[in-house]
Amino acid sequence: MSTDDPVLMLVTLHNAWLDQMEEQLAKHDAALASALGKALEEGRRKIAEEAQSLAGLANGATAKELGEVNLALSGLKGSINSATLCMAGTASALIFAAVLLAVLK
């Protein structure tokens, strides 16, 4: 291949393009690292604030307040059990009706 072959110009152009692409990727990597760093710091800050808030709530809770919550949850448990029994009875009735219809056909 001669030194003035046009193919060599393609190699030169390709190498220049690759250099520019590497430069752009380096800039992109730096910008991405900066953005992620800021987002992670903001998330860490919010988590720390929430942890402080929850710690304040836990410290302020009294035995009376916890007893009231326990009582409310006990009532809720009874309601859930009643609803579950009603649903089970309804399901049993539907299954019975389906079997009865299948037998009568």
N, C-alpha and C. Protein backbone atom coordinates (compact mmCIF):
# COMPACT_ATOMS: atom_id res chain seq x y z
N MET A 1 0.85 -1.16 0.00
CA MET A 1 0.00 0.00 0.00
C MET A 1 0.90 1.23 0.00
N SER A 2 0.55 2.17 -0.82
CA SER A 2 1.39 3.37 -0.90
C SER A 2 1.03 4.34 0.22
N THR A 3 1.92 5.28 0.49
CA THR A 3 1.70 6.24 1.57
C THR A 3 0.62 7.26 1.26
N ASP A 4 0.24 7.39 0.00
CA ASP A 4 -0.81 8.34 -0.36
C ASP A 4 -2.12 7.63 -0.74
N ASP A 5 -2.27 6.40 -0.30
CA ASP A 5 -3.47 5.63 -0.59
C ASP A 5 -4.67 6.25 0.14
N PRO A 6 -5.83 6.41 -0.52
CA PRO A 6 -7.01 7.02 0.11
C PRO A 6 -7.54 6.23 1.31
N VAL A 7 -7.28 4.94 1.37
CA VAL A 7 -7.73 4.13 2.50
C VAL A 7 -7.10 4.61 3.80
N LEU A 8 -5.87 5.10 3.71
CA LEU A 8 -5.21 5.61 4.92
C LEU A 8 -5.97 6.80 5.50
N MET A 9 -6.63 7.58 4.65
CA MET A 9 -7.43 8.70 5.14
C MET A 9 -8.59 8.19 5.99
N LEU A 10 -9.18 7.06 5.58
CA LEU A 10 -10.27 6.47 6.38
C LEU A 10 -9.78 6.06 7.76
N VAL A 11 -8.58 5.51 7.81
CA VAL A 11 -8.01 5.12 9.11
C VAL A 11 -7.81 6.35 9.98
N THR A 12 -7.30 7.43 9.38
CA THR A 12 -7.08 8.66 10.13
C THR A 12 -8.40 9.23 10.64
N LEU A 13 -9.42 9.27 9.77
CA LEU A 13 -10.72 9.77 10.19
C LEU A 13 -11.35 8.89 11.27
N HIS A 14 -11.21 7.59 11.10
CA HIS A 14 -11.76 6.66 12.08
C HIS A 14 -11.09 6.83 13.44
N ASN A 15 -9.77 6.97 13.44
CA ASN A 15 -9.04 7.17 14.70
C ASN A 15 -9.45 8.48 15.36
N ALA A 16 -9.65 9.54 14.56
CA ALA A 16 -10.08 10.83 15.12
C ALA A 16 -11.47 10.69 15.74
N TRP A 17 -12.35 9.97 15.05
CA TRP A 17 -13.70 9.74 15.57
C TRP A 17 -13.64 8.95 16.88
N LEU A 18 -12.82 7.92 16.92
CA LEU A 18 -12.68 7.12 18.14
C LEU A 18 -12.15 7.97 19.31
N ASP A 19 -11.20 8.85 19.03
CA ASP A 19 -10.67 9.73 20.08
C ASP A 19 -11.77 10.64 20.62
N GLN A 20 -12.57 11.22 19.71
CA GLN A 20 -13.66 12.08 20.15
C GLN A 20 -14.71 11.30 20.93
N MET A 21 -14.98 10.08 20.50
CA MET A 21 -15.96 9.25 21.20
C MET A 21 -15.48 8.91 22.61
N GLU A 22 -14.22 8.58 22.76
CA GLU A 22 -13.66 8.31 24.09
C GLU A 22 -13.75 9.54 24.99
N GLU A 23 -13.49 10.71 24.40
CA GLU A 23 -13.59 11.96 25.16
C GLU A 23 -15.03 12.21 25.63
N GLN A 24 -15.98 11.99 24.72
CA GLN A 24 -17.38 12.17 25.08
C GLN A 24 -17.83 11.17 26.14
N LEU A 25 -17.38 9.93 26.03
CA LEU A 25 -17.72 8.91 27.03
C LEU A 25 -17.13 9.26 28.40
N ALA A 26 -15.93 9.81 28.41
CA ALA A 26 -15.32 10.22 29.68
C ALA A 26 -16.12 11.34 30.31
N LYS A 27 -16.57 12.31 29.50
CA LYS A 27 -17.42 13.39 30.02
C LYS A 27 -18.75 12.84 30.54
N HIS A 28 -19.31 11.91 29.79
CA HIS A 28 -20.57 11.30 30.19
C HIS A 28 -20.41 10.55 31.51
N ASP A 29 -19.34 9.79 31.64
CA ASP A 29 -19.08 9.06 32.88
C ASP A 29 -18.96 10.00 34.06
N ALA A 30 -18.26 11.12 33.88
CA ALA A 30 -18.10 12.09 34.96
C ALA A 30 -19.44 12.70 35.34
N ALA A 31 -20.25 13.07 34.35
CA ALA A 31 -21.57 13.65 34.63
C ALA A 31 -22.48 12.64 35.31
N LEU A 32 -22.43 11.41 34.86
CA LEU A 32 -23.26 10.35 35.45
C LEU A 32 -22.85 10.09 36.90
N ALA A 33 -21.56 10.04 37.16
CA ALA A 33 -21.07 9.82 38.52
C ALA A 33 -21.51 10.97 39.42
N SER A 34 -21.45 12.18 38.92
CA SER A 34 -21.87 13.35 39.70
C SER A 34 -23.37 13.28 40.01
N ALA A 35 -24.17 12.98 39.01
CA ALA A 35 -25.62 12.91 39.20
C ALA A 35 -25.99 11.80 40.17
N LEU A 36 -25.37 10.63 40.01
CA LEU A 36 -25.65 9.53 40.92
C LEU A 36 -25.20 9.86 42.34
N GLY A 37 -24.06 10.50 42.47
CA GLY A 37 -23.57 10.89 43.79
C GLY A 37 -24.54 11.83 44.48
N LYS A 38 -25.06 12.81 43.72
CA LYS A 38 -26.03 13.74 44.30
C LYS A 38 -27.32 13.03 44.69
N ALA A 39 -27.80 12.13 43.83
CA ALA A 39 -29.03 11.40 44.13
C ALA A 39 -28.85 10.50 45.35
N LEU A 40 -27.72 9.83 45.44
CA LEU A 40 -27.47 8.97 46.59
C LEU A 40 -27.36 9.78 47.88
N GLU A 41 -26.73 10.93 47.81
CA GLU A 41 -26.60 11.78 48.99
C GLU A 41 -27.97 12.28 49.43
N GLU A 42 -28.81 12.65 48.48
CA GLU A 42 -30.16 13.11 48.81
C GLU A 42 -30.97 11.97 49.44
N GLY A 43 -30.85 10.77 48.88
CA GLY A 43 -31.54 9.62 49.46
C GLY A 43 -31.04 9.31 50.86
N ARG A 44 -29.72 9.39 51.07
CA ARG A 44 -29.17 9.14 52.40
C ARG A 44 -29.68 10.17 53.39
N ARG A 45 -29.78 11.42 52.95
CA ARG A 45 -30.26 12.48 53.82
C ARG A 45 -31.72 12.25 54.21
N LYS A 46 -32.55 11.86 53.23
CA LYS A 46 -33.96 11.61 53.52
C LYS A 46 -34.13 10.42 54.46
N ILE A 47 -33.35 9.38 54.25
CA ILE A 47 -33.43 8.22 55.14
C ILE A 47 -33.02 8.60 56.55
N ALA A 48 -31.99 9.42 56.69
CA ALA A 48 -31.56 9.86 58.02
C ALA A 48 -32.65 10.69 58.69
N GLU A 49 -33.33 11.56 57.92
CA GLU A 49 -34.42 12.36 58.47
C GLU A 49 -35.56 11.46 58.94
N GLU A 50 -35.94 10.48 58.12
CA GLU A 50 -37.01 9.57 58.49
C GLU A 50 -36.64 8.74 59.72
N ALA A 51 -35.39 8.33 59.79
CA ALA A 51 -34.94 7.56 60.96
C ALA A 51 -35.05 8.41 62.22
N GLN A 52 -34.67 9.68 62.12
CA GLN A 52 -34.79 10.58 63.27
C GLN A 52 -36.26 10.76 63.65
N SER A 53 -37.11 10.91 62.66
CA SER A 53 -38.54 11.08 62.91
C SER A 53 -39.12 9.85 63.61
N LEU A 54 -38.76 8.66 63.10
CA LEU A 54 -39.26 7.42 63.72
C LEU A 54 -38.71 7.23 65.12
N ALA A 55 -37.46 7.62 65.32
CA ALA A 55 -36.88 7.51 66.66
C ALA A 55 -37.63 8.43 67.62
N GLY A 56 -38.00 9.62 67.15
CA GLY A 56 -38.77 10.53 67.98
C GLY A 56 -40.13 9.97 68.32
N LEU A 57 -40.78 9.32 67.36
CA LEU A 57 -42.08 8.71 67.62
C LEU A 57 -41.96 7.57 68.63
N ALA A 58 -40.93 6.75 68.47
CA ALA A 58 -40.74 5.62 69.38
C ALA A 58 -40.46 6.10 70.79
N ASN A 59 -39.69 7.17 70.92
CA ASN A 59 -39.40 7.69 72.25
C ASN A 59 -40.62 8.33 72.88
N GLY A 60 -41.52 8.90 72.08
CA GLY A 60 -42.69 9.58 72.61
C GLY A 60 -43.85 8.65 72.92
N ALA A 61 -43.79 7.42 72.45
CA ALA A 61 -44.89 6.48 72.67
C ALA A 61 -44.91 6.04 74.13
N THR A 62 -46.08 6.12 74.71
CA THR A 62 -46.23 5.68 76.11
C THR A 62 -46.90 4.32 76.14
N ALA A 63 -46.88 3.71 77.31
CA ALA A 63 -47.52 2.40 77.46
C ALA A 63 -49.02 2.51 77.21
N LYS A 64 -49.61 3.64 77.59
CA LYS A 64 -51.05 3.83 77.38
C LYS A 64 -51.36 3.86 75.88
N GLU A 65 -50.56 4.62 75.13
CA GLU A 65 -50.79 4.72 73.69
C GLU A 65 -50.61 3.36 73.02
N LEU A 66 -49.58 2.62 73.44
CA LEU A 66 -49.36 1.29 72.87
C LEU A 66 -50.50 0.34 73.23
N GLY A 67 -51.05 0.49 74.44
CA GLY A 67 -52.19 -0.33 74.85
C GLY A 67 -53.41 -0.04 73.99
N GLU A 68 -53.63 1.25 73.66
CA GLU A 68 -54.75 1.61 72.80
C GLU A 68 -54.59 1.03 71.40
N VAL A 69 -53.38 1.08 70.90
CA VAL A 69 -53.10 0.50 69.58
C VAL A 69 -53.35 -1.01 69.61
N ASN A 70 -52.90 -1.67 70.66
CA ASN A 70 -53.11 -3.11 70.80
C ASN A 70 -54.58 -3.45 70.86
N LEU A 71 -55.36 -2.65 71.60
CA LEU A 71 -56.80 -2.88 71.70
C LEU A 71 -57.46 -2.71 70.34
N ALA A 72 -57.08 -1.67 69.61
CA ALA A 72 -57.65 -1.44 68.27
C ALA A 72 -57.30 -2.59 67.34
N LEU A 73 -56.07 -3.07 67.42
CA LEU A 73 -55.67 -4.19 66.57
C LEU A 73 -56.39 -5.47 66.94
N SER A 74 -56.68 -5.66 68.22
CA SER A 74 -57.44 -6.84 68.64
C SER A 74 -58.84 -6.82 68.05
N GLY A 75 -59.48 -5.64 68.07
CA GLY A 75 -60.80 -5.51 67.46
C GLY A 75 -60.75 -5.78 65.97
N LEU A 76 -59.71 -5.30 65.33
CA LEU A 76 -59.55 -5.52 63.90
C LEU A 76 -59.35 -7.00 63.60
N LYS A 77 -58.64 -7.69 64.47
CA LYS A 77 -58.40 -9.12 64.27
C LYS A 77 -59.73 -9.88 64.34
N GLY A 78 -60.59 -9.50 65.28
CA GLY A 78 -61.91 -10.13 65.38
C GLY A 78 -62.73 -9.89 64.13
N SER A 79 -62.69 -8.68 63.61
CA SER A 79 -63.44 -8.36 62.39
C SER A 79 -62.92 -9.17 61.21
N ILE A 80 -61.61 -9.30 61.11
CA ILE A 80 -61.02 -10.07 60.01
C ILE A 80 -61.40 -11.54 60.13
N ASN A 81 -61.39 -12.07 61.34
CA ASN A 81 -61.80 -13.47 61.54
C ASN A 81 -63.25 -13.67 61.14
N SER A 82 -64.12 -12.74 61.51
CA SER A 82 -65.54 -12.85 61.15
C SER A 82 -65.71 -12.80 59.64
N ALA A 83 -65.02 -11.89 58.98
CA ALA A 83 -65.12 -11.79 57.53
C ALA A 83 -64.60 -13.06 56.86
N THR A 84 -63.54 -13.63 57.40
CA THR A 84 -62.99 -14.87 56.83
C THR A 84 -64.00 -16.01 56.96
N LEU A 85 -64.67 -16.09 58.10
CA LEU A 85 -65.69 -17.14 58.27
C LEU A 85 -66.85 -16.94 57.30
N CYS A 86 -67.27 -15.70 57.10
CA CYS A 86 -68.35 -15.42 56.15
C CYS A 86 -67.95 -15.81 54.73
N MET A 87 -66.72 -15.49 54.37
CA MET A 87 -66.24 -15.84 53.03
C MET A 87 -66.14 -17.36 52.87
N ALA A 88 -65.69 -18.04 53.90
CA ALA A 88 -65.59 -19.50 53.82
C ALA A 88 -66.98 -20.12 53.69
N GLY A 89 -67.96 -19.61 54.43
CA GLY A 89 -69.33 -20.11 54.32
C GLY A 89 -69.90 -19.87 52.94
N THR A 90 -69.65 -18.69 52.39
CA THR A 90 -70.14 -18.37 51.05
C THR A 90 -69.48 -19.28 50.02
N ALA A 91 -68.18 -19.49 50.15
CA ALA A 91 -67.47 -20.37 49.21
C ALA A 91 -68.02 -21.79 49.30
N SER A 92 -68.28 -22.27 50.52
CA SER A 92 -68.83 -23.62 50.68
C SER A 92 -70.20 -23.73 50.03
N ALA A 93 -71.04 -22.71 50.20
CA ALA A 93 -72.37 -22.72 49.59
C ALA A 93 -72.27 -22.72 48.07
N LEU A 94 -71.35 -21.95 47.52
CA LEU A 94 -71.18 -21.92 46.07
C LEU A 94 -70.69 -23.25 45.52
N ILE A 95 -69.77 -23.86 46.23
CA ILE A 95 -69.27 -25.17 45.81
C ILE A 95 -70.39 -26.21 45.87
N PHE A 96 -71.18 -26.16 46.95
CA PHE A 96 -72.30 -27.09 47.09
C PHE A 96 -73.28 -26.90 45.94
N ALA A 97 -73.59 -25.64 45.61
CA ALA A 97 -74.54 -25.37 44.53
C ALA A 97 -73.98 -25.86 43.19
N ALA A 98 -72.68 -25.67 42.96
CA ALA A 98 -72.08 -26.12 41.70
C ALA A 98 -72.12 -27.64 41.59
N VAL A 99 -71.82 -28.33 42.68
CA VAL A 99 -71.86 -29.80 42.68
C VAL A 99 -73.29 -30.28 42.47
N LEU A 100 -74.24 -29.65 43.13
CA LEU A 100 -75.65 -30.04 43.01
C LEU A 100 -76.12 -29.85 41.57
N LEU A 101 -75.74 -28.72 40.94
CA LEU A 101 -76.14 -28.50 39.55
C LEU A 101 -75.51 -29.52 38.63
N ALA A 102 -74.25 -29.89 38.92
CA ALA A 102 -73.58 -30.87 38.07
C ALA A 102 -74.23 -32.23 38.21
N VAL A 103 -74.67 -32.57 39.40
CA VAL A 103 -75.31 -33.88 39.63
C VAL A 103 -76.68 -33.92 38.99
N LEU A 104 -77.43 -32.80 39.04
CA LEU A 104 -78.79 -32.76 38.51
C LEU A 104 -78.81 -32.73 36.99
N LYS A 105 -77.76 -32.39 36.32
CA LYS A 105 -77.76 -32.33 34.85
C LYS A 105 -77.78 -33.65 34.24
